[in-house]
Amino acid sequence: MLFLFIGTTEIILIALVVLLIFGGKKIPELMKGIGKGVKSFKDGVNGVEDEKDKLSQKEDSTGPRDSAKA
């Protein structure tokens, strides 16, 4: 709810605070690290979806598993 009322002035203030804390040279490195993290997360999510699709395709080709047969 708090983020619904954030405006341009607040965003500029936050950016200035980040600039003061990390400095101009560290911000590109920080953004690069965040970008790599987001890419890794997306790759992980896509990998899980691919595994799920492979399992469902394998199950479709072999028929449904019957756990009561054991």
PDB file of N, CA and C in Angstrom:
ATOM      1  N   MET A   1       0.818  -1.194   0.000  1.00  0.00           N
ATOM      2  CA  MET A   1       0.000   0.000   0.000  1.00  0.00           C
ATOM      3  C   MET A   1       0.860   1.256   0.000  1.00  0.00           C
ATOM      4  N   LEU A   2       1.981   1.190   0.682  1.00  0.00           N
ATOM      5  CA  LEU A   2       2.844   2.364   0.805  1.00  0.00           C
ATOM      6  C   LEU A   2       3.398   2.792  -0.546  1.00  0.00           C
ATOM      7  N   PHE A   3       3.651   1.829  -1.434  1.00  0.00           N
ATOM      8  CA  PHE A   3       4.259   2.154  -2.717  1.00  0.00           C
ATOM      9  C   PHE A   3       3.271   2.770  -3.701  1.00  0.00           C
ATOM     10  N   LEU A   4       2.000   2.765  -3.379  1.00  0.00           N
ATOM     11  CA  LEU A   4       1.017   3.374  -4.264  1.00  0.00           C
ATOM     12  C   LEU A   4       1.120   4.892  -4.260  1.00  0.00           C
ATOM     13  N   PHE A   5       1.692   5.458  -3.195  1.00  0.00           N
ATOM     14  CA  PHE A   5       1.753   6.907  -3.059  1.00  0.00           C
ATOM     15  C   PHE A   5       3.136   7.470  -3.335  1.00  0.00           C
ATOM     16  N   ILE A   6       4.014   6.697  -3.965  1.00  0.00           N
ATOM     17  CA  ILE A   6       5.368   7.172  -4.251  1.00  0.00           C
ATOM     18  C   ILE A   6       5.332   8.015  -5.533  1.00  0.00           C
ATOM     19  N   GLY A   7       6.000   9.147  -5.498  1.00  0.00           N
ATOM     20  CA  GLY A   7       5.985  10.054  -6.635  1.00  0.00           C
ATOM     21  C   GLY A   7       7.383  10.301  -7.171  1.00  0.00           C
ATOM     22  N   THR A   8       7.467  11.236  -8.097  1.00  0.00           N
ATOM     23  CA  THR A   8       8.737  11.566  -8.743  1.00  0.00           C
ATOM     24  C   THR A   8       9.741  12.119  -7.744  1.00  0.00           C
ATOM     25  N   THR A   9       9.305  12.963  -6.841  1.00  0.00           N
ATOM     26  CA  THR A   9      10.205  13.554  -5.851  1.00  0.00           C
ATOM     27  C   THR A   9      10.823  12.484  -4.968  1.00  0.00           C
ATOM     28  N   GLU A  10      10.015  11.523  -4.550  1.00  0.00           N
ATOM     29  CA  GLU A  10      10.527  10.458  -3.704  1.00  0.00           C
ATOM     30  C   GLU A  10      11.527   9.582  -4.455  1.00  0.00           C
ATOM     31  N   ILE A  11      11.252   9.297  -5.720  1.00  0.00           N
ATOM     32  CA  ILE A  11      12.167   8.481  -6.529  1.00  0.00           C
ATOM     33  C   ILE A  11      13.504   9.193  -6.692  1.00  0.00           C
ATOM     34  N   ILE A  12      13.475  10.489  -6.950  1.00  0.00           N
ATOM     35  CA  ILE A  12      14.714  11.263  -7.091  1.00  0.00           C
ATOM     36  C   ILE A  12      15.483  11.269  -5.772  1.00  0.00           C
ATOM     37  N   LEU A  13      14.794  11.428  -4.669  1.00  0.00           N
ATOM     38  CA  LEU A  13      15.434  11.416  -3.357  1.00  0.00           C
ATOM     39  C   LEU A  13      16.089  10.060  -3.076  1.00  0.00           C
ATOM     40  N   ILE A  14      15.401   8.980  -3.388  1.00  0.00           N
ATOM     41  CA  ILE A  14      15.969   7.646  -3.201  1.00  0.00           C
ATOM     42  C   ILE A  14      17.201   7.455  -4.075  1.00  0.00           C
ATOM     43  N   ALA A  15      17.141   7.913  -5.329  1.00  0.00           N
ATOM     44  CA  ALA A  15      18.285   7.795  -6.234  1.00  0.00           C
ATOM     45  C   ALA A  15      19.490   8.570  -5.709  1.00  0.00           C
ATOM     46  N   LEU A  16      19.260   9.757  -5.156  1.00  0.00           N
ATOM     47  CA  LEU A  16      20.360  10.545  -4.599  1.00  0.00           C
ATOM     48  C   LEU A  16      20.982   9.859  -3.377  1.00  0.00           C
ATOM     49  N   VAL A  17      20.154   9.271  -2.544  1.00  0.00           N
ATOM     50  CA  VAL A  17      20.667   8.553  -1.373  1.00  0.00           C
ATOM     51  C   VAL A  17      21.508   7.359  -1.818  1.00  0.00           C
ATOM     52  N   VAL A  18      21.033   6.617  -2.808  1.00  0.00           N
ATOM     53  CA  VAL A  18      21.798   5.473  -3.333  1.00  0.00           C
ATOM     54  C   VAL A  18      23.115   5.955  -3.917  1.00  0.00           C
ATOM     55  N   LEU A  19      23.097   7.069  -4.629  1.00  0.00           N
ATOM     56  CA  LEU A  19      24.324   7.630  -5.196  1.00  0.00           C
ATOM     57  C   LEU A  19      25.305   8.020  -4.107  1.00  0.00           C
ATOM     58  N   LEU A  20      24.820   8.605  -3.034  1.00  0.00           N
ATOM     59  CA  LEU A  20      25.696   8.986  -1.923  1.00  0.00           C
ATOM     60  C   LEU A  20      26.271   7.765  -1.204  1.00  0.00           C
ATOM     61  N   ILE A  21      25.463   6.730  -1.038  1.00  0.00           N
ATOM     62  CA  ILE A  21      25.917   5.542  -0.314  1.00  0.00           C
ATOM     63  C   ILE A  21      26.932   4.753  -1.130  1.00  0.00           C
ATOM     64  N   PHE A  22      26.632   4.463  -2.393  1.00  0.00           N
ATOM     65  CA  PHE A  22      27.474   3.576  -3.187  1.00  0.00           C
ATOM     66  C   PHE A  22      28.508   4.314  -4.029  1.00  0.00           C
ATOM     67  N   GLY A  23      28.275   5.544  -4.367  1.00  0.00           N
ATOM     68  CA  GLY A  23      29.202   6.286  -5.215  1.00  0.00           C
ATOM     69  C   GLY A  23      28.935   6.012  -6.686  1.00  0.00           C
ATOM     70  N   GLY A  24      29.429   6.883  -7.532  1.00  0.00           N
ATOM     71  CA  GLY A  24      29.186   6.791  -8.973  1.00  0.00           C
ATOM     72  C   GLY A  24      29.835   5.607  -9.639  1.00  0.00           C
ATOM     73  N   LYS A  25      30.964   5.139  -9.107  1.00  0.00           N
ATOM     74  CA  LYS A  25      31.678   4.029  -9.738  1.00  0.00           C
ATOM     75  C   LYS A  25      31.065   2.679  -9.404  1.00  0.00           C
ATOM     76  N   LYS A  26      30.435   2.555  -8.261  1.00  0.00           N
ATOM     77  CA  LYS A  26      29.894   1.261  -7.832  1.00  0.00           C
ATOM     78  C   LYS A  26      28.499   0.982  -8.384  1.00  0.00           C
ATOM     79  N   ILE A  27      27.765   1.999  -8.786  1.00  0.00           N
ATOM     80  CA  ILE A  27      26.385   1.804  -9.241  1.00  0.00           C
ATOM     81  C   ILE A  27      26.314   0.929 -10.494  1.00  0.00           C
ATOM     82  N   PRO A  28      27.162   1.132 -11.522  1.00  0.00           N
ATOM     83  CA  PRO A  28      27.092   0.216 -12.679  1.00  0.00           C
ATOM     84  C   PRO A  28      27.388  -1.235 -12.300  1.00  0.00           C
ATOM     85  N   GLU A  29      28.319  -1.447 -11.385  1.00  0.00           N
ATOM     86  CA  GLU A  29      28.613  -2.812 -10.938  1.00  0.00           C
ATOM     87  C   GLU A  29      27.416  -3.396 -10.196  1.00  0.00           C
ATOM     88  N   LEU A  30      26.769  -2.589  -9.387  1.00  0.00           N
ATOM     89  CA  LEU A  30      25.596  -3.029  -8.646  1.00  0.00           C
ATOM     90  C   LEU A  30      24.467  -3.399  -9.610  1.00  0.00           C
ATOM     91  N   MET A  31      24.237  -2.580 -10.615  1.00  0.00           N
ATOM     92  CA  MET A  31      23.187  -2.856 -11.589  1.00  0.00           C
ATOM     93  C   MET A  31      23.512  -4.109 -12.409  1.00  0.00           C
ATOM     94  N   LYS A  32      24.779  -4.303 -12.742  1.00  0.00           N
ATOM     95  CA  LYS A  32      25.180  -5.498 -13.477  1.00  0.00           C
ATOM     96  C   LYS A  32      24.903  -6.748 -12.645  1.00  0.00           C
ATOM     97  N   GLY A  33      25.211  -6.687 -11.361  1.00  0.00           N
ATOM     98  CA  GLY A  33      24.945  -7.810 -10.472  1.00  0.00           C
ATOM     99  C   GLY A  33      23.461  -8.102 -10.348  1.00  0.00           C
ATOM    100  N   ILE A  34      22.659  -7.055 -10.246  1.00  0.00           N
ATOM    101  CA  ILE A  34      21.208  -7.234 -10.168  1.00  0.00           C
ATOM    102  C   ILE A  34      20.687  -7.845 -11.468  1.00  0.00           C
ATOM    103  N   GLY A  35      21.195  -7.381 -12.599  1.00  0.00           N
ATOM    104  CA  GLY A  35      20.784  -7.930 -13.898  1.00  0.00           C
ATOM    105  C   GLY A  35      21.126  -9.402 -14.028  1.00  0.00           C
ATOM    106  N   LYS A  36      22.320  -9.787 -13.578  1.00  0.00           N
ATOM    107  CA  LYS A  36      22.708 -11.201 -13.625  1.00  0.00           C
ATOM    108  C   LYS A  36      21.816 -12.039 -12.724  1.00  0.00           C
ATOM    109  N   GLY A  37      21.475 -11.489 -11.563  1.00  0.00           N
ATOM    110  CA  GLY A  37      20.596 -12.205 -10.649  1.00  0.00           C
ATOM    111  C   GLY A  37      19.210 -12.429 -11.235  1.00  0.00           C
ATOM    112  N   VAL A  38      18.661 -11.405 -11.877  1.00  0.00           N
ATOM    113  CA  VAL A  38      17.339 -11.516 -12.497  1.00  0.00           C
ATOM    114  C   VAL A  38      17.382 -12.527 -13.635  1.00  0.00           C
ATOM    115  N   LYS A  39      18.447 -12.493 -14.448  1.00  0.00           N
ATOM    116  CA  LYS A  39      18.586 -13.433 -15.560  1.00  0.00           C
ATOM    117  C   LYS A  39      18.679 -14.863 -15.041  1.00  0.00           C
ATOM    118  N   SER A  40      19.453 -15.060 -13.991  1.00  0.00           N
ATOM    119  CA  SER A  40      19.592 -16.384 -13.401  1.00  0.00           C
ATOM    120  C   SER A  40      18.252 -16.879 -12.858  1.00  0.00           C
ATOM    121  N   PHE A  41      17.498 -16.003 -12.222  1.00  0.00           N
ATOM    122  CA  PHE A  41      16.184 -16.369 -11.699  1.00  0.00           C
ATOM    123  C   PHE A  41      15.247 -16.776 -12.830  1.00  0.00           C
ATOM    124  N   LYS A  42      15.227 -15.994 -13.914  1.00  0.00           N
ATOM    125  CA  LYS A  42      14.363 -16.320 -15.047  1.00  0.00           C
ATOM    126  C   LYS A  42      14.759 -17.645 -15.675  1.00  0.00           C
ATOM    127  N   ASP A  43      16.074 -17.887 -15.808  1.00  0.00           N
ATOM    128  CA  ASP A  43      16.543 -19.154 -16.356  1.00  0.00           C
ATOM    129  C   ASP A  43      16.106 -20.315 -15.472  1.00  0.00           C
ATOM    130  N   GLY A  44      16.168 -20.132 -14.164  1.00  0.00           N
ATOM    131  CA  GLY A  44      15.729 -21.169 -13.239  1.00  0.00           C
ATOM    132  C   GLY A  44      14.249 -21.455 -13.358  1.00  0.00           C
ATOM    133  N   VAL A  45      13.450 -20.403 -13.474  1.00  0.00           N
ATOM    134  CA  VAL A  45      12.006 -20.580 -13.626  1.00  0.00           C
ATOM    135  C   VAL A  45      11.710 -21.292 -14.937  1.00  0.00           C
ATOM    136  N   ASN A  46      12.380 -20.898 -16.014  1.00  0.00           N
ATOM    137  CA  ASN A  46      12.166 -21.549 -17.308  1.00  0.00           C
ATOM    138  C   ASN A  46      12.617 -23.005 -17.257  1.00  0.00           C
ATOM    139  N   GLY A  47      13.682 -23.294 -16.529  1.00  0.00           N
ATOM    140  CA  GLY A  47      14.156 -24.669 -16.395  1.00  0.00           C
ATOM    141  C   GLY A  47      13.141 -25.542 -15.684  1.00  0.00           C
ATOM    142  N   VAL A  48      12.512 -25.018 -14.643  1.00  0.00           N
ATOM    143  CA  VAL A  48      11.483 -25.771 -13.922  1.00  0.00           C
ATOM    144  C   VAL A  48      10.287 -26.018 -14.830  1.00  0.00           C
ATOM    145  N   GLU A  49       9.899 -25.009 -15.603  1.00  0.00           N
ATOM    146  CA  GLU A  49       8.769 -25.177 -16.523  1.00  0.00           C
ATOM    147  C   GLU A  49       9.097 -26.206 -17.598  1.00  0.00           C
ATOM    148  N   ASP A  50      10.343 -26.207 -18.099  1.00  0.00           N
ATOM    149  CA  ASP A  50      10.756 -27.189 -19.107  1.00  0.00           C
ATOM    150  C   ASP A  50      10.709 -28.601 -18.534  1.00  0.00           C
ATOM    151  N   GLU A  51      11.197 -28.755 -17.304  1.00  0.00           N
ATOM    152  CA  GLU A  51      11.162 -30.070 -16.658  1.00  0.00           C
ATOM    153  C   GLU A  51       9.723 -30.547 -16.485  1.00  0.00           C
ATOM    154  N   LYS A  52       8.841 -29.639 -16.101  1.00  0.00           N
ATOM    155  CA  LYS A  52       7.433 -29.988 -15.912  1.00  0.00           C
ATOM    156  C   LYS A  52       6.815 -30.415 -17.241  1.00  0.00           C
ATOM    157  N   ASP A  53       7.140 -29.692 -18.319  1.00  0.00           N
ATOM    158  CA  ASP A  53       6.616 -30.046 -19.641  1.00  0.00           C
ATOM    159  C   ASP A  53       7.134 -31.412 -20.086  1.00  0.00           C
ATOM    160  N   LYS A  54       8.423 -31.675 -19.839  1.00  0.00           N
ATOM    161  CA  LYS A  54       8.991 -32.973 -20.217  1.00  0.00           C
ATOM    162  C   LYS A  54       8.312 -34.105 -19.472  1.00  0.00           C
ATOM    163  N   LEU A  55       8.075 -33.916 -18.172  1.00  0.00           N
ATOM    164  CA  LEU A  55       7.417 -34.954 -17.385  1.00  0.00           C
ATOM    165  C   LEU A  55       5.992 -35.197 -17.849  1.00  0.00           C
ATOM    166  N   SER A  56       5.269 -34.127 -18.175  1.00  0.00           N
ATOM    167  CA  SER A  56       3.891 -34.304 -18.620  1.00  0.00           C
ATOM    168  C   SER A  56       3.852 -34.949 -19.996  1.00  0.00           C
ATOM    169  N   GLN A  57       4.806 -34.646 -20.884  1.00  0.00           N
ATOM    170  CA  GLN A  57       4.861 -35.289 -22.194  1.00  0.00           C
ATOM    171  C   GLN A  57       5.196 -36.765 -22.050  1.00  0.00           C
ATOM    172  N   LYS A  58       6.122 -37.080 -21.141  1.00  0.00           N
ATOM    173  CA  LYS A  58       6.500 -38.464 -20.912  1.00  0.00           C
ATOM    174  C   LYS A  58       5.316 -39.244 -20.345  1.00  0.00           C
ATOM    175  N   GLU A  59       4.589 -38.623 -19.429  1.00  0.00           N
ATOM    176  CA  GLU A  59       3.422 -39.265 -18.836  1.00  0.00           C
ATOM    177  C   GLU A  59       2.338 -39.477 -19.884  1.00  0.00           C
ATOM    178  N   ASP A  60       2.160 -38.510 -20.788  1.00  0.00           N
ATOM    179  CA  ASP A  60       1.158 -38.648 -21.842  1.00  0.00           C
ATOM    180  C   ASP A  60       1.507 -39.788 -22.790  1.00  0.00           C
ATOM    181  N   SER A  61       2.782 -39.970 -23.083  1.00  0.00           N
ATOM    182  CA  SER A  61       3.178 -41.012 -24.026  1.00  0.00           C
ATOM    183  C   SER A  61       3.137 -42.403 -23.395  1.00  0.00           C
ATOM    184  N   THR A  62       3.350 -42.508 -22.097  1.00  0.00           N
ATOM    185  CA  THR A  62       3.337 -43.812 -21.437  1.00  0.00           C
ATOM    186  C   THR A  62       2.008 -44.104 -20.770  1.00  0.00           C
ATOM    187  N   GLY A  63       1.137 -43.155 -20.726  1.00  0.00           N
ATOM    188  CA  GLY A  63      -0.153 -43.339 -20.063  1.00  0.00           C
ATOM    189  C   GLY A  63      -0.072 -42.884 -18.624  1.00  0.00           C
ATOM    190  N   PRO A  64      -1.195 -42.734 -17.999  1.00  0.00           N
ATOM    191  CA  PRO A  64      -1.184 -42.265 -16.608  1.00  0.00           C
ATOM    192  C   PRO A  64      -0.604 -43.334 -15.687  1.00  0.00           C
ATOM    193  N   ARG A  65       0.051 -42.869 -14.650  1.00  0.00           N
ATOM    194  CA  ARG A  65       0.625 -43.775 -13.667  1.00  0.00           C
ATOM    195  C   ARG A  65      -0.485 -44.231 -12.718  1.00  0.00           C
ATOM    196  N   ASP A  66      -0.463 -45.493 -12.409  1.00  0.00           N
ATOM    197  CA  ASP A  66      -1.448 -46.025 -11.482  1.00  0.00           C
ATOM    198  C   ASP A  66      -0.717 -46.427 -10.209  1.00  0.00           C
ATOM    199  N   SER A  67      -0.881 -45.678  -9.141  1.00  0.00           N
ATOM    200  CA  SER A  67      -0.169 -45.948  -7.907  1.00  0.00           C
ATOM    201  C   SER A  67      -0.796 -47.112  -7.149  1.00  0.00           C
ATOM    202  N   ALA A  68      -1.998 -47.549  -7.510  1.00  0.00           N
ATOM    203  CA  ALA A  68      -2.662 -48.639  -6.812  1.00  0.00           C
ATOM    204  C   ALA A  68      -2.142 -50.006  -7.273  1.00  0.00           C
ATOM    205  N   LYS A  69      -1.400 -50.085  -8.382  1.00  0.00           N
ATOM    206  CA  LYS A  69      -0.891 -51.353  -8.904  1.00  0.00           C
ATOM    207  C   LYS A  69       0.186 -51.966  -8.026  1.00  0.00           C
ATOM    208  N   ALA A  70       0.914 -51.162  -7.328  1.00  0.00           N
ATOM    209  CA  ALA A  70       2.041 -51.658  -6.529  1.00  0.00           C
ATOM    210  C   ALA A  70       1.571 -52.563  -5.457  1.00  0.00           C
TER     211      ALA A  70
END
